[in-house]
Amino acid sequence: MAAQTLPQLFGVVPTGCPVITTPTTAISETSFIYTLPTRSFSHIVVFLLPGIALPPDTAAAVYISSTPQNPASFKFLGGIGQGKESAIFKVGGAENNGGEQLSYTLGVSVEPAASVAAQMSALQSSSSNADANRSTALVTVPKPSDTVILAQKIIKNAFNFLASFSGNVPVPGGSGTAGVEVVPLKAFEDWWRKFEGKIKNDPRFLERDGD
């Protein structure tokens, strides 16, 4: 019997590691497990792959655990969905008390958007009192500056690539050379393919990208 083909809905990128697009296993049609590399990393990026849209009124909840054999150990990180197709999460506690490297497992579950929003609200409320316990927390809320800097670098990379493909489409009823500047979809697809290849071959290339 042929092996089950696992769906590719999400991209997962632990810092310094290649992009993961195929889950290790699917618990159900809406819940997926990603086994992350056993190595040190400080952040995890989770995003919807191009062309993927979640069902209406749903969002993807993201969980993490260092002991996945215990379902109760999965901690809620946050969520992504329509209007927020990607997120960066900061992960702390890379080693256990014995100094051994921890192996993380990521869970992504498509759930009602209201449920994910409620969990995110609870997480934000609890994070305001988490500083005293930050050294022992498995997951901490990412600093906005980390997210902004990475997003700016990705946008800059895309803009630099796509700028040469732009052209003007005349506006109906307009005059002269006025028009709407557009970029062909194929150009974006080419950028994504090359960007994904760079991430796989050199996960840190964005960190060296000049301002």
C-alpha atoms as a PDB file:
ATOM      1  CA  MET A   1       0.000   0.000   0.000  1.00  0.00           C
ATOM      2  CA  ALA A   2       1.337   3.430  -0.940  1.00  0.00           C
ATOM      3  CA  ALA A   3       2.527   5.685   1.867  1.00  0.00           C
ATOM      4  CA  GLN A   4       0.175   8.436   2.968  1.00  0.00           C
ATOM      5  CA  THR A   5       0.919  11.804   1.392  1.00  0.00           C
ATOM      6  CA  LEU A   6       0.953  14.445   4.101  1.00  0.00           C
ATOM      7  CA  PRO A   7      -0.473  17.861   3.198  1.00  0.00           C
ATOM      8  CA  GLN A   8       1.810  20.863   2.866  1.00  0.00           C
ATOM      9  CA  LEU A   9      -0.080  23.788   4.380  1.00  0.00           C
ATOM     10  CA  PHE A  10       2.449  25.523   6.613  1.00  0.00           C
ATOM     11  CA  GLY A  11       6.099  26.490   6.525  1.00  0.00           C
ATOM     12  CA  VAL A  12       8.197  26.154   9.688  1.00  0.00           C
ATOM     13  CA  VAL A  13      11.654  27.739  10.006  1.00  0.00           C
ATOM     14  CA  PRO A  14      13.691  27.371  13.216  1.00  0.00           C
ATOM     15  CA  THR A  15      16.453  29.997  13.033  1.00  0.00           C
ATOM     16  CA  GLY A  16      19.559  28.600  11.397  1.00  0.00           C
ATOM     17  CA  CYS A  17      17.656  25.627   9.940  1.00  0.00           C
ATOM     18  CA  PRO A  18      16.123  24.845   6.530  1.00  0.00           C
ATOM     19  CA  VAL A  19      12.430  25.412   5.855  1.00  0.00           C
ATOM     20  CA  ILE A  20      10.142  22.528   6.895  1.00  0.00           C
ATOM     21  CA  THR A  21       6.975  22.224   4.796  1.00  0.00           C
ATOM     22  CA  THR A  22       5.968  18.582   5.279  1.00  0.00           C
ATOM     23  CA  PRO A  23       4.682  17.552   8.726  1.00  0.00           C
ATOM     24  CA  THR A  24       6.184  14.548  10.476  1.00  0.00           C
ATOM     25  CA  THR A  25       2.717  13.165  11.042  1.00  0.00           C
ATOM     26  CA  ALA A  26      -0.931  14.200  10.869  1.00  0.00           C
ATOM     27  CA  ILE A  27      -2.968  13.563  14.010  1.00  0.00           C
ATOM     28  CA  SER A  28      -6.138  14.419  12.100  1.00  0.00           C
ATOM     29  CA  GLU A  29      -7.174  16.299   8.975  1.00  0.00           C
ATOM     30  CA  THR A  30      -6.667  19.569  10.853  1.00  0.00           C
ATOM     31  CA  SER A  31      -3.814  18.819  13.296  1.00  0.00           C
ATOM     32  CA  PHE A  32      -0.184  18.337  12.307  1.00  0.00           C
ATOM     33  CA  ILE A  33       3.067  17.542  14.098  1.00  0.00           C
ATOM     34  CA  TYR A  34       6.487  18.854  13.030  1.00  0.00           C
ATOM     35  CA  THR A  35       9.594  17.351  14.638  1.00  0.00           C
ATOM     36  CA  LEU A  36      12.216  20.101  14.815  1.00  0.00           C
ATOM     37  CA  PRO A  37      15.988  19.576  14.482  1.00  0.00           C
ATOM     38  CA  THR A  38      17.910  18.818  17.675  1.00  0.00           C
ATOM     39  CA  ARG A  39      20.049  21.929  17.689  1.00  0.00           C
ATOM     40  CA  SER A  40      20.122  25.337  19.288  1.00  0.00           C
ATOM     41  CA  PHE A  41      17.768  27.961  17.883  1.00  0.00           C
ATOM     42  CA  SER A  42      16.178  31.035  19.431  1.00  0.00           C
ATOM     43  CA  HIS A  43      13.152  31.678  17.217  1.00  0.00           C
ATOM     44  CA  ILE A  44      10.659  29.768  15.089  1.00  0.00           C
ATOM     45  CA  VAL A  45       8.851  31.253  12.096  1.00  0.00           C
ATOM     46  CA  VAL A  46       5.505  29.700  11.124  1.00  0.00           C
ATOM     47  CA  PHE A  47       3.641  30.812   8.006  1.00  0.00           C
ATOM     48  CA  LEU A  48       0.953  29.768   5.546  1.00  0.00           C
ATOM     49  CA  LEU A  49       2.456  28.536   2.290  1.00  0.00           C
ATOM     50  CA  PRO A  50       1.622  30.568  -0.850  1.00  0.00           C
ATOM     51  CA  GLY A  51      -1.767  29.661  -2.276  1.00  0.00           C
ATOM     52  CA  ILE A  52      -3.048  28.182   1.004  1.00  0.00           C
ATOM     53  CA  ALA A  53      -6.194  29.646   2.568  1.00  0.00           C
ATOM     54  CA  LEU A  54      -7.750  28.350   5.770  1.00  0.00           C
ATOM     55  CA  PRO A  55     -11.493  27.636   5.917  1.00  0.00           C
ATOM     56  CA  PRO A  56     -13.683  30.626   6.867  1.00  0.00           C
ATOM     57  CA  ASP A  57     -13.784  31.546  10.571  1.00  0.00           C
ATOM     58  CA  THR A  58     -10.755  29.388  11.403  1.00  0.00           C
ATOM     59  CA  ALA A  59      -7.148  30.057  12.371  1.00  0.00           C
ATOM     60  CA  ALA A  60      -4.063  27.929  12.928  1.00  0.00           C
ATOM     61  CA  ALA A  61      -3.038  27.535  16.570  1.00  0.00           C
ATOM     62  CA  VAL A  62       0.664  26.845  17.140  1.00  0.00           C
ATOM     63  CA  TYR A  63       1.905  24.744  20.075  1.00  0.00           C
ATOM     64  CA  ILE A  64       5.322  23.511  21.199  1.00  0.00           C
ATOM     65  CA  SER A  65       6.621  20.772  23.491  1.00  0.00           C
ATOM     66  CA  SER A  66       9.923  19.200  24.497  1.00  0.00           C
ATOM     67  CA  THR A  67       8.099  16.064  25.696  1.00  0.00           C
ATOM     68  CA  PRO A  68       5.548  15.345  22.935  1.00  0.00           C
ATOM     69  CA  GLN A  69       4.732  11.906  24.353  1.00  0.00           C
ATOM     70  CA  ASN A  70       2.749  13.832  26.965  1.00  0.00           C
ATOM     71  CA  PRO A  71      -0.038  15.724  25.129  1.00  0.00           C
ATOM     72  CA  ALA A  72      -0.587  17.966  28.145  1.00  0.00           C
ATOM     73  CA  SER A  73       2.969  19.316  27.780  1.00  0.00           C
ATOM     74  CA  PHE A  74       2.193  21.254  24.591  1.00  0.00           C
ATOM     75  CA  LYS A  75       2.229  24.985  25.292  1.00  0.00           C
ATOM     76  CA  PHE A  76       0.335  27.512  23.195  1.00  0.00           C
ATOM     77  CA  LEU A  77       2.589  29.899  21.248  1.00  0.00           C
ATOM     78  CA  GLY A  78       0.107  31.907  19.209  1.00  0.00           C
ATOM     79  CA  GLY A  79      -1.768  31.725  15.951  1.00  0.00           C
ATOM     80  CA  ILE A  80      -1.789  32.645  12.274  1.00  0.00           C
ATOM     81  CA  GLY A  81      -4.602  33.017   9.774  1.00  0.00           C
ATOM     82  CA  GLN A  82      -6.339  35.467   7.487  1.00  0.00           C
ATOM     83  CA  GLY A  83      -4.750  38.888   7.862  1.00  0.00           C
ATOM     84  CA  LYS A  84      -1.808  37.440   9.796  1.00  0.00           C
ATOM     85  CA  GLU A  85      -0.336  34.753   7.586  1.00  0.00           C
ATOM     86  CA  SER A  86       2.947  34.450   9.503  1.00  0.00           C
ATOM     87  CA  ALA A  87       4.362  34.845  12.996  1.00  0.00           C
ATOM     88  CA  ILE A  88       7.717  34.643  14.762  1.00  0.00           C
ATOM     89  CA  PHE A  89       7.924  32.963  18.158  1.00  0.00           C
ATOM     90  CA  LYS A  90      10.816  33.197  20.619  1.00  0.00           C
ATOM     91  CA  VAL A  91      11.759  29.913  22.268  1.00  0.00           C
ATOM     92  CA  GLY A  92      13.674  29.766  25.551  1.00  0.00           C
ATOM     93  CA  GLY A  93      15.197  26.969  27.599  1.00  0.00           C
ATOM     94  CA  ALA A  94      17.239  25.248  24.887  1.00  0.00           C
ATOM     95  CA  GLU A  95      18.817  22.871  27.420  1.00  0.00           C
ATOM     96  CA  ASN A  96      17.418  20.861  30.297  1.00  0.00           C
ATOM     97  CA  ASN A  97      18.783  20.928  33.834  1.00  0.00           C
ATOM     98  CA  GLY A  98      21.412  18.356  32.873  1.00  0.00           C
ATOM     99  CA  GLY A  99      22.741  20.541  30.073  1.00  0.00           C
ATOM    100  CA  GLU A 100      21.450  18.234  27.345  1.00  0.00           C
ATOM    101  CA  GLN A 101      20.088  19.694  24.109  1.00  0.00           C
ATOM    102  CA  LEU A 102      16.290  19.630  24.005  1.00  0.00           C
ATOM    103  CA  SER A 103      14.400  18.353  20.979  1.00  0.00           C
ATOM    104  CA  TYR A 104      11.282  20.399  20.291  1.00  0.00           C
ATOM    105  CA  THR A 105       8.096  19.258  18.605  1.00  0.00           C
ATOM    106  CA  LEU A 106       5.746  21.772  17.025  1.00  0.00           C
ATOM    107  CA  GLY A 107       2.016  21.233  16.716  1.00  0.00           C
ATOM    108  CA  VAL A 108      -0.195  23.220  14.323  1.00  0.00           C
ATOM    109  CA  SER A 109      -3.953  22.825  14.622  1.00  0.00           C
ATOM    110  CA  VAL A 110      -6.694  24.449  12.538  1.00  0.00           C
ATOM    111  CA  GLU A 111      -9.287  25.584  15.083  1.00  0.00           C
ATOM    112  CA  PRO A 112     -12.203  28.038  15.314  1.00  0.00           C
ATOM    113  CA  ALA A 113     -10.829  31.571  15.035  1.00  0.00           C
ATOM    114  CA  ALA A 114     -12.653  32.618  18.210  1.00  0.00           C
ATOM    115  CA  SER A 115     -10.935  29.854  20.187  1.00  0.00           C
ATOM    116  CA  VAL A 116      -7.481  30.832  18.913  1.00  0.00           C
ATOM    117  CA  ALA A 117      -8.172  34.509  19.645  1.00  0.00           C
ATOM    118  CA  ALA A 118      -9.207  33.654  23.210  1.00  0.00           C
ATOM    119  CA  GLN A 119      -5.980  31.699  23.766  1.00  0.00           C
ATOM    120  CA  MET A 120      -3.915  34.577  22.376  1.00  0.00           C
ATOM    121  CA  SER A 121      -5.686  37.031  24.674  1.00  0.00           C
ATOM    122  CA  ALA A 122      -5.000  34.802  27.682  1.00  0.00           C
ATOM    123  CA  LEU A 123      -1.350  34.441  26.646  1.00  0.00           C
ATOM    124  CA  GLN A 124      -0.906  38.201  26.348  1.00  0.00           C
ATOM    125  CA  SER A 125      -2.504  38.736  29.750  1.00  0.00           C
ATOM    126  CA  SER A 126      -0.252  36.204  31.454  1.00  0.00           C
ATOM    127  CA  SER A 127       2.895  37.486  29.727  1.00  0.00           C
ATOM    128  CA  SER A 128       2.705  40.785  31.615  1.00  0.00           C
ATOM    129  CA  ASN A 129       3.534  38.894  34.830  1.00  0.00           C
ATOM    130  CA  ALA A 130       6.003  36.443  33.312  1.00  0.00           C
ATOM    131  CA  ASP A 131       9.259  38.396  33.741  1.00  0.00           C
ATOM    132  CA  ALA A 132       9.971  36.905  37.182  1.00  0.00           C
ATOM    133  CA  ASN A 133       9.724  33.379  35.770  1.00  0.00           C
ATOM    134  CA  ARG A 134      11.314  34.063  32.386  1.00  0.00           C
ATOM    135  CA  SER A 135      14.421  31.939  33.077  1.00  0.00           C
ATOM    136  CA  THR A 136      12.340  28.792  33.568  1.00  0.00           C
ATOM    137  CA  ALA A 137       9.677  29.451  30.913  1.00  0.00           C
ATOM    138  CA  LEU A 138       9.624  27.209  27.862  1.00  0.00           C
ATOM    139  CA  VAL A 139       8.165  29.920  25.645  1.00  0.00           C
ATOM    140  CA  THR A 140       8.378  33.690  25.890  1.00  0.00           C
ATOM    141  CA  VAL A 141       6.543  36.340  23.907  1.00  0.00           C
ATOM    142  CA  PRO A 142       8.692  37.606  21.006  1.00  0.00           C
ATOM    143  CA  LYS A 143       9.990  41.161  21.086  1.00  0.00           C
ATOM    144  CA  PRO A 144       8.251  43.306  18.489  1.00  0.00           C
ATOM    145  CA  SER A 145      11.629  44.517  17.236  1.00  0.00           C
ATOM    146  CA  ASP A 146      12.659  40.964  16.283  1.00  0.00           C
ATOM    147  CA  THR A 147       9.510  40.526  14.223  1.00  0.00           C
ATOM    148  CA  VAL A 148       9.767  43.939  12.599  1.00  0.00           C
ATOM    149  CA  ILE A 149      13.427  43.529  11.639  1.00  0.00           C
ATOM    150  CA  LEU A 150      12.916  40.114  10.034  1.00  0.00           C
ATOM    151  CA  ALA A 151       9.764  41.262   8.232  1.00  0.00           C
ATOM    152  CA  GLN A 152      11.580  44.324   6.897  1.00  0.00           C
ATOM    153  CA  LYS A 153      14.414  42.171   5.538  1.00  0.00           C
ATOM    154  CA  ILE A 154      12.022  39.771   3.801  1.00  0.00           C
ATOM    155  CA  ILE A 155      10.044  42.669   2.305  1.00  0.00           C
ATOM    156  CA  LYS A 156      13.249  44.378   1.180  1.00  0.00           C
ATOM    157  CA  ASN A 157      14.466  41.161  -0.461  1.00  0.00           C
ATOM    158  CA  ALA A 158      11.159  40.771  -2.305  1.00  0.00           C
ATOM    159  CA  PHE A 159      11.022  44.439  -3.331  1.00  0.00           C
ATOM    160  CA  ASN A 160      14.558  44.417  -4.736  1.00  0.00           C
ATOM    161  CA  PHE A 161      13.791  41.304  -6.791  1.00  0.00           C
ATOM    162  CA  LEU A 162      10.342  42.364  -8.032  1.00  0.00           C
ATOM    163  CA  ALA A 163      11.101  46.021  -8.787  1.00  0.00           C
ATOM    164  CA  SER A 164      12.578  45.244 -12.207  1.00  0.00           C
ATOM    165  CA  PHE A 165       9.426  43.349 -13.231  1.00  0.00           C
ATOM    166  CA  SER A 166       6.964  46.157 -12.520  1.00  0.00           C
ATOM    167  CA  GLY A 167       4.994  47.887 -15.258  1.00  0.00           C
ATOM    168  CA  ASN A 168       2.093  50.283 -15.668  1.00  0.00           C
ATOM    169  CA  VAL A 169      -1.436  49.239 -16.559  1.00  0.00           C
ATOM    170  CA  PRO A 170      -3.525  52.118 -17.976  1.00  0.00           C
ATOM    171  CA  VAL A 171      -6.439  53.243 -15.847  1.00  0.00           C
ATOM    172  CA  PRO A 172      -9.744  53.240 -17.762  1.00  0.00           C
ATOM    173  CA  GLY A 173     -10.679  56.821 -18.525  1.00  0.00           C
ATOM    174  CA  GLY A 174      -7.220  58.066 -17.634  1.00  0.00           C
ATOM    175  CA  SER A 175      -4.878  60.097 -19.805  1.00  0.00           C
ATOM    176  CA  GLY A 176      -1.202  60.235 -20.608  1.00  0.00           C
ATOM    177  CA  THR A 177       1.082  57.685 -19.001  1.00  0.00           C
ATOM    178  CA  ALA A 178      -0.819  57.515 -15.724  1.00  0.00           C
ATOM    179  CA  GLY A 179      -1.649  54.007 -14.615  1.00  0.00           C
ATOM    180  CA  VAL A 180      -1.459  51.421 -11.891  1.00  0.00           C
ATOM    181  CA  GLU A 181       1.946  49.853 -11.252  1.00  0.00           C
ATOM    182  CA  VAL A 182       1.695  46.063 -11.206  1.00  0.00           C
ATOM    183  CA  VAL A 183       4.015  43.055 -10.906  1.00  0.00           C
ATOM    184  CA  PRO A 184       3.289  39.781 -12.768  1.00  0.00           C
ATOM    185  CA  LEU A 185       2.294  36.854 -10.566  1.00  0.00           C
ATOM    186  CA  LYS A 186       4.996  34.729 -12.196  1.00  0.00           C
ATOM    187  CA  ALA A 187       7.621  37.187 -10.944  1.00  0.00           C
ATOM    188  CA  PHE A 188       6.409  36.684  -7.369  1.00  0.00           C
ATOM    189  CA  GLU A 189       6.443  32.900  -7.861  1.00  0.00           C
ATOM    190  CA  ASP A 190      10.027  33.129  -9.166  1.00  0.00           C
ATOM    191  CA  TRP A 191      11.016  35.235  -6.151  1.00  0.00           C
ATOM    192  CA  TRP A 192       9.435  32.752  -3.733  1.00  0.00           C
ATOM    193  CA  ARG A 193      11.191  29.795  -5.402  1.00  0.00           C
ATOM    194  CA  LYS A 194      14.582  31.520  -5.243  1.00  0.00           C
ATOM    195  CA  PHE A 195      13.971  32.840  -1.708  1.00  0.00           C
ATOM    196  CA  GLU A 196      13.022  29.358  -0.474  1.00  0.00           C
ATOM    197  CA  GLY A 197      16.138  27.935  -2.142  1.00  0.00           C
ATOM    198  CA  LYS A 198      18.346  30.503  -0.413  1.00  0.00           C
ATOM    199  CA  ILE A 199      16.782  29.732   2.971  1.00  0.00           C
ATOM    200  CA  LYS A 200      17.389  26.004   2.481  1.00  0.00           C
ATOM    201  CA  ASN A 201      21.000  26.483   1.338  1.00  0.00           C
ATOM    202  CA  ASP A 202      21.916  29.282   3.736  1.00  0.00           C
ATOM    203  CA  PRO A 203      19.361  29.885   6.520  1.00  0.00           C
ATOM    204  CA  ARG A 204      21.323  32.876   7.827  1.00  0.00           C
ATOM    205  CA  PHE A 205      21.550  34.834   4.572  1.00  0.00           C
ATOM    206  CA  LEU A 206      18.943  37.355   5.756  1.00  0.00           C
ATOM    207  CA  GLU A 207      21.038  38.096   8.851  1.00  0.00           C
ATOM    208  CA  ARG A 208      23.875  39.207   6.557  1.00  0.00           C
ATOM    209  CA  ASP A 209      21.611  41.205   4.252  1.00  0.00           C
ATOM    210  CA  GLY A 210      22.748  44.810   4.353  1.00  0.00           C
ATOM    211  CA  ASP A 211      20.508  47.647   5.431  1.00  0.00           C
END
